[in-house]
C-alpha atoms as a PDB file:
ATOM      1  CA  UNK A   1      94.136  77.692  80.681  1.00  0.00           C
ATOM      2  CA  UNK A   2      92.969  81.240  82.739  1.00  0.00           C
ATOM      3  CA  UNK A   3      89.206  80.949  83.386  1.00  0.00           C
ATOM      4  CA  UNK A   4      87.177  84.358  83.822  1.00  0.00           C
ATOM      5  CA  UNK A   5      87.570  86.389  86.657  1.00  0.00           C
ATOM      6  CA  UNK A   6      84.943  87.191  89.610  1.00  0.00           C
ATOM      7  CA  UNK A   7      86.966  90.282  89.751  1.00  0.00           C
ATOM      8  CA  UNK A   8      86.482  92.229  86.649  1.00  0.00           C
ATOM      9  CA  UNK A   9      89.318  94.637  85.775  1.00  0.00           C
ATOM     10  CA  UNK A  10      88.059  96.384  82.945  1.00  0.00           C
ATOM     11  CA  UNK A  11      85.359  97.920  85.741  1.00  0.00           C
ATOM     12  CA  UNK A  12      86.471 100.071  88.463  1.00  0.00           C
ATOM     13  CA  UNK A  13      86.231  99.396  92.092  1.00  0.00           C
ATOM     14  CA  UNK A  14      82.851 100.782  92.805  1.00  0.00           C
ATOM     15  CA  UNK A  15      81.147  98.925  89.704  1.00  0.00           C
ATOM     16  CA  UNK A  16      82.926  95.648  91.141  1.00  0.00           C
ATOM     17  CA  UNK A  17      81.635  96.400  94.265  1.00  0.00           C
ATOM     18  CA  UNK A  18      78.258  97.116  93.216  1.00  0.00           C
ATOM     19  CA  UNK A  19      77.616  94.689  90.444  1.00  0.00           C
ATOM     20  CA  UNK A  20      80.084  91.734  90.983  1.00  0.00           C
ATOM     21  CA  UNK A  21      81.224  88.847  91.623  1.00  0.00           C
ATOM     22  CA  UNK A  22      81.132  88.049  88.331  1.00  0.00           C
ATOM     23  CA  UNK A  23      81.242  84.735  86.089  1.00  0.00           C
ATOM     24  CA  UNK A  24      81.618  81.316  88.136  1.00  0.00           C
ATOM     25  CA  UNK A  25      81.310  83.335  91.223  1.00  0.00           C
ATOM     26  CA  UNK A  26      77.820  84.398  90.278  1.00  0.00           C
ATOM     27  CA  UNK A  27      76.550  81.278  89.106  1.00  0.00           C
ATOM     28  CA  UNK A  28      74.701  80.076  91.822  1.00  0.00           C
ATOM     29  CA  UNK A  29      76.024  76.612  92.292  1.00  0.00           C
ATOM     30  CA  UNK A  30      77.038  75.533  95.508  1.00  0.00           C
ATOM     31  CA  UNK A  31      80.232  73.338  96.419  1.00  0.00           C
ATOM     32  CA  UNK A  32      79.252  70.838  98.520  1.00  0.00           C
ATOM     33  CA  UNK A  33      81.787  69.822 101.334  1.00  0.00           C
ATOM     34  CA  UNK A  34      83.609  66.544 100.964  1.00  0.00           C
ATOM     35  CA  UNK A  35      82.688  65.638 104.237  1.00  0.00           C
ATOM     36  CA  UNK A  36      80.483  62.895 105.076  1.00  0.00           C
ATOM     37  CA  UNK A  37      77.213  64.356 106.734  1.00  0.00           C
ATOM     38  CA  UNK A  38      77.709  64.622 110.513  1.00  0.00           C
ATOM     39  CA  UNK A  39      81.260  63.812 110.860  1.00  0.00           C
ATOM     40  CA  UNK A  40      83.581  66.982 112.438  1.00  0.00           C
ATOM     41  CA  UNK A  41      85.716  69.096 110.425  1.00  0.00           C
ATOM     42  CA  UNK A  42      89.638  67.721 110.641  1.00  0.00           C
ATOM     43  CA  UNK A  43      91.372  70.801 111.134  1.00  0.00           C
ATOM     44  CA  UNK A  44      92.076  73.260 113.734  1.00  0.00           C
ATOM     45  CA  UNK A  45      93.225  76.823 113.348  1.00  0.00           C
ATOM     46  CA  UNK A  46      93.567  79.317 116.160  1.00  0.00           C
ATOM     47  CA  UNK A  47      90.938  77.667 118.114  1.00  0.00           C
ATOM     48  CA  UNK A  48      88.795  77.607 115.187  1.00  0.00           C
ATOM     49  CA  UNK A  49      87.518  74.061 113.335  1.00  0.00           C
ATOM     50  CA  UNK A  50      88.124  74.157 109.689  1.00  0.00           C
ATOM     51  CA  UNK A  51      87.077  71.703 106.818  1.00  0.00           C
ATOM     52  CA  UNK A  52      90.015  71.859 104.783  1.00  0.00           C
ATOM     53  CA  UNK A  53      92.778  75.052 105.488  1.00  0.00           C
ATOM     54  CA  UNK A  54      92.054  76.488 102.324  1.00  0.00           C
ATOM     55  CA  UNK A  55      91.326  80.578 101.488  1.00  0.00           C
ATOM     56  CA  UNK A  56      91.184  83.757  99.425  1.00  0.00           C
ATOM     57  CA  UNK A  57      93.250  86.525 101.052  1.00  0.00           C
ATOM     58  CA  UNK A  58      92.156  89.909 101.706  1.00  0.00           C
ATOM     59  CA  UNK A  59      92.034  91.929  98.594  1.00  0.00           C
ATOM     60  CA  UNK A  60      89.668  89.934  95.809  1.00  0.00           C
ATOM     61  CA  UNK A  61      86.844  89.641  98.411  1.00  0.00           C
ATOM     62  CA  UNK A  62      85.357  93.151  98.335  1.00  0.00           C
ATOM     63  CA  UNK A  63      82.587  92.731 100.250  1.00  0.00           C
ATOM     64  CA  UNK A  64      79.991  90.105 101.204  1.00  0.00           C
ATOM     65  CA  UNK A  65      78.454  89.300  97.978  1.00  0.00           C
ATOM     66  CA  UNK A  66      81.984  88.016  97.154  1.00  0.00           C
ATOM     67  CA  UNK A  67      82.866  86.654 100.723  1.00  0.00           C
ATOM     68  CA  UNK A  68      79.489  84.351 100.378  1.00  0.00           C
ATOM     69  CA  UNK A  69      80.566  83.107  97.001  1.00  0.00           C
ATOM     70  CA  UNK A  70      83.825  82.090  98.017  1.00  0.00           C
ATOM     71  CA  UNK A  71      82.200  79.759 100.941  1.00  0.00           C
ATOM     72  CA  UNK A  72      79.941  78.546  98.286  1.00  0.00           C
ATOM     73  CA  UNK A  73      82.663  77.807  96.124  1.00  0.00           C
ATOM     74  CA  UNK A  74      84.433  75.666  99.184  1.00  0.00           C
ATOM     75  CA  UNK A  75      86.803  78.312 100.404  1.00  0.00           C
ATOM     76  CA  UNK A  76      86.975  77.864 103.895  1.00  0.00           C
ATOM     77  CA  UNK A  77      88.633  80.719 105.143  1.00  0.00           C
ATOM     78  CA  UNK A  78      87.300  83.878 103.329  1.00  0.00           C
ATOM     79  CA  UNK A  79      89.242  87.151 104.064  1.00  0.00           C
ATOM     80  CA  UNK A  80      87.216  90.173 103.594  1.00  0.00           C
ATOM     81  CA  UNK A  81      89.058  93.054 101.721  1.00  0.00           C
ATOM     82  CA  UNK A  82      90.701  95.374 103.986  1.00  0.00           C
ATOM     83  CA  UNK A  83      88.037  98.423 105.457  1.00  0.00           C
ATOM     84  CA  UNK A  84      89.048 101.118 107.325  1.00  0.00           C
ATOM     85  CA  UNK A  85      87.140 103.426 110.560  1.00  0.00           C
ATOM     86  CA  UNK A  86      85.830 105.878 107.744  1.00  0.00           C
ATOM     87  CA  UNK A  87      85.118 106.163 104.303  1.00  0.00           C
ATOM     88  CA  UNK A  88      88.324 106.273 101.856  1.00  0.00           C
ATOM     89  CA  UNK A  89      87.953 106.540  98.007  1.00  0.00           C
ATOM     90  CA  UNK A  90      89.769 103.638  95.766  1.00  0.00           C
ATOM     91  CA  UNK A  91      92.653 105.076  93.761  1.00  0.00           C
ATOM     92  CA  UNK A  92      91.669 105.665  89.991  1.00  0.00           C
ATOM     93  CA  UNK A  93      91.177 102.969  87.324  1.00  0.00           C
ATOM     94  CA  UNK A  94      93.062 100.908  86.337  1.00  0.00           C
ATOM     95  CA  UNK A  95      93.741  98.813  89.828  1.00  0.00           C
ATOM     96  CA  UNK A  96      94.724  95.587  88.353  1.00  0.00           C
ATOM     97  CA  UNK A  97      96.824  94.948  85.257  1.00  0.00           C
ATOM     98  CA  UNK A  98      98.724  91.752  83.997  1.00  0.00           C
ATOM     99  CA  UNK A  99     102.259  91.556  85.091  1.00  0.00           C
ATOM    100  CA  UNK A 100     105.320  90.520  82.058  1.00  0.00           C
ATOM    101  CA  UNK A 101     107.172  88.501  84.852  1.00  0.00           C
ATOM    102  CA  UNK A 102     107.950  85.092  83.140  1.00  0.00           C
ATOM    103  CA  UNK A 103     109.562  83.478  86.348  1.00  0.00           C
ATOM    104  CA  UNK A 104     110.420  84.663  89.788  1.00  0.00           C
ATOM    105  CA  UNK A 105     110.274  88.547  91.045  1.00  0.00           C
ATOM    106  CA  UNK A 106     113.577  88.882  92.717  1.00  0.00           C
ATOM    107  CA  UNK A 107     113.724  91.409  95.062  1.00  0.00           C
ATOM    108  CA  UNK A 108     116.973  92.986  92.646  1.00  0.00           C
ATOM    109  CA  UNK A 109     114.376  92.349  89.632  1.00  0.00           C
ATOM    110  CA  UNK A 110     112.026  94.545  91.406  1.00  0.00           C
ATOM    111  CA  UNK A 111     114.255  97.585  91.590  1.00  0.00           C
ATOM    112  CA  UNK A 112     113.599  97.979  87.619  1.00  0.00           C
ATOM    113  CA  UNK A 113     110.610  98.950  86.070  1.00  0.00           C
ATOM    114  CA  UNK A 114     108.095  95.753  85.305  1.00  0.00           C
ATOM    115  CA  UNK A 115     105.937  95.927  82.018  1.00  0.00           C
ATOM    116  CA  UNK A 116     102.256  95.467  82.872  1.00  0.00           C
ATOM    117  CA  UNK A 117      99.447  95.734  80.315  1.00  0.00           C
ATOM    118  CA  UNK A 118      95.421  95.035  80.276  1.00  0.00           C
ATOM    119  CA  UNK A 119      96.493  91.270  79.081  1.00  0.00           C
ATOM    120  CA  UNK A 120      96.832  88.015  81.603  1.00  0.00           C
ATOM    121  CA  UNK A 121      98.149  84.997  80.917  1.00  0.00           C
ATOM    122  CA  UNK A 122      99.412  81.779  82.550  1.00  0.00           C
ATOM    123  CA  UNK A 123     101.913  81.628  84.747  1.00  0.00           C
ATOM    124  CA  UNK A 124      99.776  84.807  85.923  1.00  0.00           C
ATOM    125  CA  UNK A 125     100.982  87.779  88.127  1.00  0.00           C
ATOM    126  CA  UNK A 126      99.382  90.682  88.243  1.00  0.00           C
ATOM    127  CA  UNK A 127      99.644  94.436  89.820  1.00  0.00           C
ATOM    128  CA  UNK A 128      96.810  95.628  92.086  1.00  0.00           C
ATOM    129  CA  UNK A 129      97.145  99.472  93.343  1.00  0.00           C
ATOM    130  CA  UNK A 130      93.524  99.981  94.945  1.00  0.00           C
ATOM    131  CA  UNK A 131      94.637 101.898  98.024  1.00  0.00           C
ATOM    132  CA  UNK A 132      92.994 100.034 100.392  1.00  0.00           C
ATOM    133  CA  UNK A 133      89.289 101.685  99.770  1.00  0.00           C
ATOM    134  CA  UNK A 134      86.856 101.477 102.640  1.00  0.00           C
ATOM    135  CA  UNK A 135      82.970 102.276 102.956  1.00  0.00           C
ATOM    136  CA  UNK A 136      81.720 103.402 105.928  1.00  0.00           C
ATOM    137  CA  UNK A 137      81.516 100.974 108.755  1.00  0.00           C
ATOM    138  CA  UNK A 138      78.074 100.594 108.927  1.00  0.00           C
ATOM    139  CA  UNK A 139      78.067  99.331 105.554  1.00  0.00           C
ATOM    140  CA  UNK A 140      81.062  96.974 105.896  1.00  0.00           C
ATOM    141  CA  UNK A 141      79.595  95.677 109.636  1.00  0.00           C
ATOM    142  CA  UNK A 142      76.479  94.567 107.960  1.00  0.00           C
ATOM    143  CA  UNK A 143      78.435  92.756 105.555  1.00  0.00           C
ATOM    144  CA  UNK A 144      80.695  90.594 108.154  1.00  0.00           C
ATOM    145  CA  UNK A 145      77.518  90.141 109.945  1.00  0.00           C
ATOM    146  CA  UNK A 146      75.618  88.195 106.855  1.00  0.00           C
ATOM    147  CA  UNK A 147      79.264  86.493 105.920  1.00  0.00           C
ATOM    148  CA  UNK A 148      79.547  85.059 109.068  1.00  0.00           C
ATOM    149  CA  UNK A 149      76.170  83.757 109.327  1.00  0.00           C
ATOM    150  CA  UNK A 150      76.278  82.620 105.644  1.00  0.00           C
ATOM    151  CA  UNK A 151      79.504  80.614 106.834  1.00  0.00           C
ATOM    152  CA  UNK A 152      78.784  76.844 107.207  1.00  0.00           C
ATOM    153  CA  UNK A 153      80.077  74.394 109.905  1.00  0.00           C
ATOM    154  CA  UNK A 154      84.096  74.480 109.311  1.00  0.00           C
ATOM    155  CA  UNK A 155      83.981  77.630 107.801  1.00  0.00           C
ATOM    156  CA  UNK A 156      86.014  80.397 109.113  1.00  0.00           C
ATOM    157  CA  UNK A 157      84.928  84.312 107.639  1.00  0.00           C
ATOM    158  CA  UNK A 158      88.173  86.573 108.230  1.00  0.00           C
ATOM    159  CA  UNK A 159      88.572  90.407 107.919  1.00  0.00           C
ATOM    160  CA  UNK A 160      91.232  92.693 107.471  1.00  0.00           C
ATOM    161  CA  UNK A 161      91.660  96.375 109.018  1.00  0.00           C
ATOM    162  CA  UNK A 162      93.888  99.156 108.357  1.00  0.00           C
ATOM    163  CA  UNK A 163      94.219 101.920 110.868  1.00  0.00           C
ATOM    164  CA  UNK A 164      94.712 105.252 109.503  1.00  0.00           C
ATOM    165  CA  UNK A 165      96.179 109.073 110.294  1.00  0.00           C
ATOM    166  CA  UNK A 166      92.887 110.972 109.055  1.00  0.00           C
ATOM    167  CA  UNK A 167      94.306 114.232 109.574  1.00  0.00           C
ATOM    168  CA  UNK A 168      97.396 116.192 110.909  1.00  0.00           C
ATOM    169  CA  UNK A 169      95.522 116.320 114.322  1.00  0.00           C
ATOM    170  CA  UNK A 170      96.100 112.621 114.735  1.00  0.00           C
ATOM    171  CA  UNK A 171      98.570 112.163 117.314  1.00  0.00           C
ATOM    172  CA  UNK A 172     100.603 108.669 117.616  1.00  0.00           C
ATOM    173  CA  UNK A 173      98.278 107.505 120.061  1.00  0.00           C
ATOM    174  CA  UNK A 174      95.496 108.778 118.013  1.00  0.00           C
ATOM    175  CA  UNK A 175      96.758 106.640 115.070  1.00  0.00           C
ATOM    176  CA  UNK A 176      97.163 103.477 117.425  1.00  0.00           C
ATOM    177  CA  UNK A 177      93.803 103.785 119.027  1.00  0.00           C
ATOM    178  CA  UNK A 178      92.285 103.738 115.712  1.00  0.00           C
ATOM    179  CA  UNK A 179      93.607 100.068 114.832  1.00  0.00           C
ATOM    180  CA  UNK A 180      92.223  99.020 117.856  1.00  0.00           C
ATOM    181  CA  UNK A 181      88.925 100.603 118.001  1.00  0.00           C
ATOM    182  CA  UNK A 182      88.521  99.261 114.129  1.00  0.00           C
ATOM    183  CA  UNK A 183      89.470  96.023 115.408  1.00  0.00           C
ATOM    184  CA  UNK A 184      86.838  95.664 118.030  1.00  0.00           C
ATOM    185  CA  UNK A 185      84.445  96.848 114.819  1.00  0.00           C
ATOM    186  CA  UNK A 186      85.234  93.702 113.173  1.00  0.00           C
ATOM    187  CA  UNK A 187      84.919  91.651 116.386  1.00  0.00           C
ATOM    188  CA  UNK A 188      81.646  93.720 117.044  1.00  0.00           C
ATOM    189  CA  UNK A 189      80.315  92.027 113.700  1.00  0.00           C
ATOM    190  CA  UNK A 190      80.733  88.533 114.656  1.00  0.00           C
ATOM    191  CA  UNK A 191      84.184  88.217 113.020  1.00  0.00           C
ATOM    192  CA  UNK A 192      86.404  85.433 115.051  1.00  0.00           C
ATOM    193  CA  UNK A 193      89.704  85.961 113.833  1.00  0.00           C
ATOM    194  CA  UNK A 194      91.097  89.575 112.774  1.00  0.00           C
ATOM    195  CA  UNK A 195      93.624  90.496 110.675  1.00  0.00           C
ATOM    196  CA  UNK A 196      95.618  93.832 110.778  1.00  0.00           C
ATOM    197  CA  UNK A 197      97.011  95.032 107.630  1.00  0.00           C
ATOM    198  CA  UNK A 198     100.656  96.192 108.640  1.00  0.00           C
ATOM    199  CA  UNK A 199     101.696  95.283 104.841  1.00  0.00           C
ATOM    200  CA  UNK A 200     100.411  98.478 103.300  1.00  0.00           C
ATOM    201  CA  UNK A 201     102.405 101.952 103.983  1.00  0.00           C
ATOM    202  CA  UNK A 202     102.824 103.355 107.552  1.00  0.00           C
ATOM    203  CA  UNK A 203     100.413 106.674 107.612  1.00  0.00           C
ATOM    204  CA  UNK A 204     101.138 107.408 103.957  1.00  0.00           C
ATOM    205  CA  UNK A 205     104.768 107.155 104.217  1.00  0.00           C
ATOM    206  CA  UNK A 206     106.768 104.835 101.521  1.00  0.00           C
ATOM    207  CA  UNK A 207     108.083 102.636 104.210  1.00  0.00           C
ATOM    208  CA  UNK A 208     105.376  99.578 105.193  1.00  0.00           C
ATOM    209  CA  UNK A 209     104.200  99.847 108.580  1.00  0.00           C
ATOM    210  CA  UNK A 210     105.078  96.165 109.106  1.00  0.00           C
ATOM    211  CA  UNK A 211     108.774  96.897 108.764  1.00  0.00           C
ATOM    212  CA  UNK A 212     108.598  99.728 111.823  1.00  0.00           C
ATOM    213  CA  UNK A 213     108.801  96.599 114.358  1.00  0.00           C
ATOM    214  CA  UNK A 214     108.675  99.074 118.050  1.00  0.00           C
ATOM    215  CA  UNK A 215     105.368 100.632 116.194  1.00  0.00           C
ATOM    216  CA  UNK A 216     103.903  97.314 115.358  1.00  0.00           C
ATOM    217  CA  UNK A 217     104.545  96.215 118.805  1.00  0.00           C
ATOM    218  CA  UNK A 218     103.032  99.068 120.233  1.00  0.00           C
ATOM    219  CA  UNK A 219      99.747  98.584 117.890  1.00  0.00           C
ATOM    220  CA  UNK A 220      99.726  94.840 118.141  1.00  0.00           C
ATOM    221  CA  UNK A 221      99.480  95.327 121.999  1.00  0.00           C
ATOM    222  CA  UNK A 222      96.706  98.272 121.657  1.00  0.00           C
ATOM    223  CA  UNK A 223      94.775  95.839 119.809  1.00  0.00           C
ATOM    224  CA  UNK A 224      95.329  92.745 121.768  1.00  0.00           C
ATOM    225  CA  UNK A 225      94.149  95.024 125.064  1.00  0.00           C
ATOM    226  CA  UNK A 226      91.002  95.845 123.313  1.00  0.00           C
ATOM    227  CA  UNK A 227      90.069  92.523 121.655  1.00  0.00           C
ATOM    228  CA  UNK A 228      91.160  90.660 124.454  1.00  0.00           C
ATOM    229  CA  UNK A 229      91.193  86.904 123.561  1.00  0.00           C
ATOM    230  CA  UNK A 230      90.243  87.171 119.833  1.00  0.00           C
ATOM    231  CA  UNK A 231      92.490  85.773 117.666  1.00  0.00           C
ATOM    232  CA  UNK A 232      94.702  88.625 116.015  1.00  0.00           C
ATOM    233  CA  UNK A 233      97.002  87.781 113.182  1.00  0.00           C
ATOM    234  CA  UNK A 234      99.403  90.493 111.413  1.00  0.00           C
ATOM    235  CA  UNK A 235      99.811  90.402 107.648  1.00  0.00           C
ATOM    236  CA  UNK A 236     103.417  91.171 106.776  1.00  0.00           C
ATOM    237  CA  UNK A 237     105.246  91.863 103.717  1.00  0.00           C
ATOM    238  CA  UNK A 238     108.674  89.982 102.862  1.00  0.00           C
ATOM    239  CA  UNK A 239     111.615  90.440 105.313  1.00  0.00           C
ATOM    240  CA  UNK A 240     115.346  89.515 105.479  1.00  0.00           C
ATOM    241  CA  UNK A 241     116.518  87.040 107.844  1.00  0.00           C
ATOM    242  CA  UNK A 242     117.605  89.567 110.800  1.00  0.00           C
ATOM    243  CA  UNK A 243     114.746  91.628 110.541  1.00  0.00           C
ATOM    244  CA  UNK A 244     112.110  88.675 110.526  1.00  0.00           C
ATOM    245  CA  UNK A 245     114.083  87.383 113.835  1.00  0.00           C
ATOM    246  CA  UNK A 246     113.712  90.427 115.471  1.00  0.00           C
ATOM    247  CA  UNK A 247     110.040  90.934 114.355  1.00  0.00           C
ATOM    248  CA  UNK A 248     109.005  87.643 115.880  1.00  0.00           C
ATOM    249  CA  UNK A 249     111.023  87.661 118.810  1.00  0.00           C
ATOM    250  CA  UNK A 250     109.502  91.098 119.305  1.00  0.00           C
ATOM    251  CA  UNK A 251     105.436  90.540 118.698  1.00  0.00           C
ATOM    252  CA  UNK A 252     105.251  86.751 118.003  1.00  0.00           C
ATOM    253  CA  UNK A 253     104.363  86.124 121.870  1.00  0.00           C
ATOM    254  CA  UNK A 254     101.687  89.016 121.364  1.00  0.00           C
ATOM    255  CA  UNK A 255     100.269  88.546 118.443  1.00  0.00           C
ATOM    256  CA  UNK A 256      98.099  84.798 117.438  1.00  0.00           C
ATOM    257  CA  UNK A 257      99.159  84.729 113.743  1.00  0.00           C
ATOM    258  CA  UNK A 258     101.404  85.996 110.595  1.00  0.00           C
ATOM    259  CA  UNK A 259      99.983  86.159 106.929  1.00  0.00           C
ATOM    260  CA  UNK A 260     102.781  85.992 104.605  1.00  0.00           C
ATOM    261  CA  UNK A 261     103.145  87.690 102.427  1.00  0.00           C
ATOM    262  CA  UNK A 262     101.197  90.668 100.802  1.00  0.00           C
ATOM    263  CA  UNK A 263     103.300  91.796  97.596  1.00  0.00           C
ATOM    264  CA  UNK A 264     106.661  92.941  96.292  1.00  0.00           C
ATOM    265  CA  UNK A 265     106.619  96.580  95.596  1.00  0.00           C
ATOM    266  CA  UNK A 266     107.874  97.321  92.021  1.00  0.00           C
ATOM    267  CA  UNK A 267     107.982 100.205  89.173  1.00  0.00           C
ATOM    268  CA  UNK A 268     105.460  99.853  86.795  1.00  0.00           C
ATOM    269  CA  UNK A 269     105.127 100.913  83.674  1.00  0.00           C
ATOM    270  CA  UNK A 270     103.256 100.631  79.701  1.00  0.00           C
ATOM    271  CA  UNK A 271     105.235  98.712  77.143  1.00  0.00           C
ATOM    272  CA  UNK A 272     106.280 102.160  75.785  1.00  0.00           C
ATOM    273  CA  UNK A 273     107.874 103.111  79.347  1.00  0.00           C
ATOM    274  CA  UNK A 274     105.503 105.391  80.371  1.00  0.00           C
ATOM    275  CA  UNK A 275     103.980 105.292  83.894  1.00  0.00           C
ATOM    276  CA  UNK A 276     101.322 102.724  84.099  1.00  0.00           C
ATOM    277  CA  UNK A 277      98.911 103.853  86.743  1.00  0.00           C
ATOM    278  CA  UNK A 278      97.619 107.361  87.276  1.00  0.00           C
ATOM    279  CA  UNK A 279      98.921 109.696  90.094  1.00  0.00           C
ATOM    280  CA  UNK A 280     102.173 110.466  91.863  1.00  0.00           C
ATOM    281  CA  UNK A 281     102.244 108.111  94.627  1.00  0.00           C
ATOM    282  CA  UNK A 282     101.807 105.238  92.065  1.00  0.00           C
ATOM    283  CA  UNK A 283     104.867 105.034  90.354  1.00  0.00           C
ATOM    284  CA  UNK A 284     105.290 101.826  92.374  1.00  0.00           C
ATOM    285  CA  UNK A 285     102.829  99.023  92.702  1.00  0.00           C
ATOM    286  CA  UNK A 286     102.484  95.778  94.359  1.00  0.00           C
ATOM    287  CA  UNK A 287     103.252  92.736  92.363  1.00  0.00           C
ATOM    288  CA  UNK A 288     101.236  89.351  93.371  1.00  0.00           C
ATOM    289  CA  UNK A 289     101.047  86.103  91.896  1.00  0.00           C
ATOM    290  CA  UNK A 290     102.821  83.576  90.349  1.00  0.00           C
ATOM    291  CA  UNK A 291     106.270  85.682  90.255  1.00  0.00           C
ATOM    292  CA  UNK A 292     105.997  86.139  93.948  1.00  0.00           C
ATOM    293  CA  UNK A 293     105.448  82.461  95.406  1.00  0.00           C
ATOM    294  CA  UNK A 294     109.129  82.041  96.305  1.00  0.00           C
ATOM    295  CA  UNK A 295     108.729  84.845  98.817  1.00  0.00           C
ATOM    296  CA  UNK A 296     105.249  83.722 100.082  1.00  0.00           C
ATOM    297  CA  UNK A 297     107.299  80.133 100.653  1.00  0.00           C
ATOM    298  CA  UNK A 298     110.478  81.126 101.880  1.00  0.00           C
ATOM    299  CA  UNK A 299     108.512  83.463 104.776  1.00  0.00           C
ATOM    300  CA  UNK A 300     106.427  80.336 105.527  1.00  0.00           C
ATOM    301  CA  UNK A 301     109.629  78.032 106.184  1.00  0.00           C
ATOM    302  CA  UNK A 302     111.387  80.707 108.242  1.00  0.00           C
ATOM    303  CA  UNK A 303     108.484  81.777 110.237  1.00  0.00           C
ATOM    304  CA  UNK A 304     108.090  77.893 111.131  1.00  0.00           C
ATOM    305  CA  UNK A 305     111.391  77.605 111.926  1.00  0.00           C
ATOM    306  CA  UNK A 306     111.449  80.712 114.527  1.00  0.00           C
ATOM    307  CA  UNK A 307     108.315  79.531 115.812  1.00  0.00           C
ATOM    308  CA  UNK A 308     110.322  76.284 116.965  1.00  0.00           C
ATOM    309  CA  UNK A 309     113.289  77.955 117.992  1.00  0.00           C
ATOM    310  CA  UNK A 310     111.712  80.345 120.221  1.00  0.00           C
ATOM    311  CA  UNK A 311     109.084  78.178 121.614  1.00  0.00           C
ATOM    312  CA  UNK A 312     106.148  80.169 120.267  1.00  0.00           C
ATOM    313  CA  UNK A 313     102.792  78.768 119.216  1.00  0.00           C
ATOM    314  CA  UNK A 314     102.000  81.507 116.723  1.00  0.00           C
ATOM    315  CA  UNK A 315      99.374  80.735 113.637  1.00  0.00           C
ATOM    316  CA  UNK A 316     100.920  80.596 109.690  1.00  0.00           C
ATOM    317  CA  UNK A 317      99.034  81.922 106.738  1.00  0.00           C
ATOM    318  CA  UNK A 318     101.060  81.218 103.797  1.00  0.00           C
ATOM    319  CA  UNK A 319      99.717  83.414 100.661  1.00  0.00           C
ATOM    320  CA  UNK A 320     101.403  84.502  97.578  1.00  0.00           C
ATOM    321  CA  UNK A 321     101.270  82.784  93.944  1.00  0.00           C
ATOM    322  CA  UNK A 322      98.916  79.820  94.515  1.00  0.00           C
ATOM    323  CA  UNK A 323      97.091  80.067  91.168  1.00  0.00           C
ATOM    324  CA  UNK A 324      97.027  76.647  90.965  1.00  0.00           C
ATOM    325  CA  UNK A 325      96.555  72.994  93.199  1.00  0.00           C
ATOM    326  CA  UNK A 326     100.525  72.487  93.162  1.00  0.00           C
ATOM    327  CA  UNK A 327     100.860  75.725  94.310  1.00  0.00           C
ATOM    328  CA  UNK A 328      98.897  74.975  97.423  1.00  0.00           C
ATOM    329  CA  UNK A 329     100.674  71.942  97.852  1.00  0.00           C
ATOM    330  CA  UNK A 330     103.948  73.687  98.029  1.00  0.00           C
ATOM    331  CA  UNK A 331     102.620  76.069 101.008  1.00  0.00           C
ATOM    332  CA  UNK A 332     101.560  72.851 102.848  1.00  0.00           C
ATOM    333  CA  UNK A 333     104.948  71.062 102.411  1.00  0.00           C
ATOM    334  CA  UNK A 334     106.493  74.538 103.565  1.00  0.00           C
ATOM    335  CA  UNK A 335     105.673  73.357 106.878  1.00  0.00           C
ATOM    336  CA  UNK A 336     108.078  70.306 106.447  1.00  0.00           C
ATOM    337  CA  UNK A 337     111.766  70.543 106.718  1.00  0.00           C
ATOM    338  CA  UNK A 338     113.933  70.286 103.668  1.00  0.00           C
ATOM    339  CA  UNK A 339     115.783  67.052 104.440  1.00  0.00           C
ATOM    340  CA  UNK A 340     112.344  65.524 105.462  1.00  0.00           C
ATOM    341  CA  UNK A 341     110.789  66.414 101.987  1.00  0.00           C
ATOM    342  CA  UNK A 342     113.867  65.248 100.201  1.00  0.00           C
ATOM    343  CA  UNK A 343     113.567  61.949 101.686  1.00  0.00           C
ATOM    344  CA  UNK A 344     109.870  61.785 101.541  1.00  0.00           C
ATOM    345  CA  UNK A 345     109.087  63.672  98.068  1.00  0.00           C
ATOM    346  CA  UNK A 346     105.199  62.392  98.764  1.00  0.00           C
ATOM    347  CA  UNK A 347     104.646  63.231 102.410  1.00  0.00           C
END
């Protein structure tokens, strides 16, 4: 049975930012760590000690209040929603709608309209369309400093950033510098592992930045040159076999980790067939939730296989479709070869 959400889809982005989180995330109850007092965290990720490698990806954690609530509820790796180097307004409401997808959203299915509505049921899939809005850096840096200070031993606050071509005067070099400077702002706020959101449109075009591998390489290198030994994770979409191999080969030795996946874009319509989200640029919208779990799992398995093949050492964050505890276990099992899982189903 679905529980009441901590982000209210019936409210605007601004209302959620100012008033949230809601429901169980607002009850003030702190979930105590299962570790015995004085014991060390059991897991290590990108040099950081973790109580448990479970978090919430960039998206629903709009600001520090949401991140603090996630930490208090035992999510040890919350990722603050994507921010930018300047103020950017949110897409018009609605931003979240339930998607009528009973099973997997295959790439073929995503070429056709998906019916969405203001109703939610299990298995839960939604579309979300915010446009990565952002408050000014002074606001979100304050949030991040407070989040990092709020985290207990064994918890890690991450934050996602997106570089932006702010106007026509921006050169390609300016755009790359915006990424690098923005990541430095995250680092200055105390964030120990930063995430570059390459899974959103490239400079306002339809193509996602993560598929422009030469540009991903240039941006990633510029970020690493700027932030030094601070670990860099890049957020990517679903890749075909050859494209993923090329991406890993080109940037797997530059970045410190991959996060996969974000969403699968598809046309979204109301039950009567009309466009569901207002705005000419919102005919398509990202689908997330249960329907895209297959894609996240597939990417985790292939990223692991390529890491071993190339002798690389990057970390892997698997996300997409985790709505119940069994989904998390599927992602953990994704690090095991299929043959081992078949032979040892309880591993």
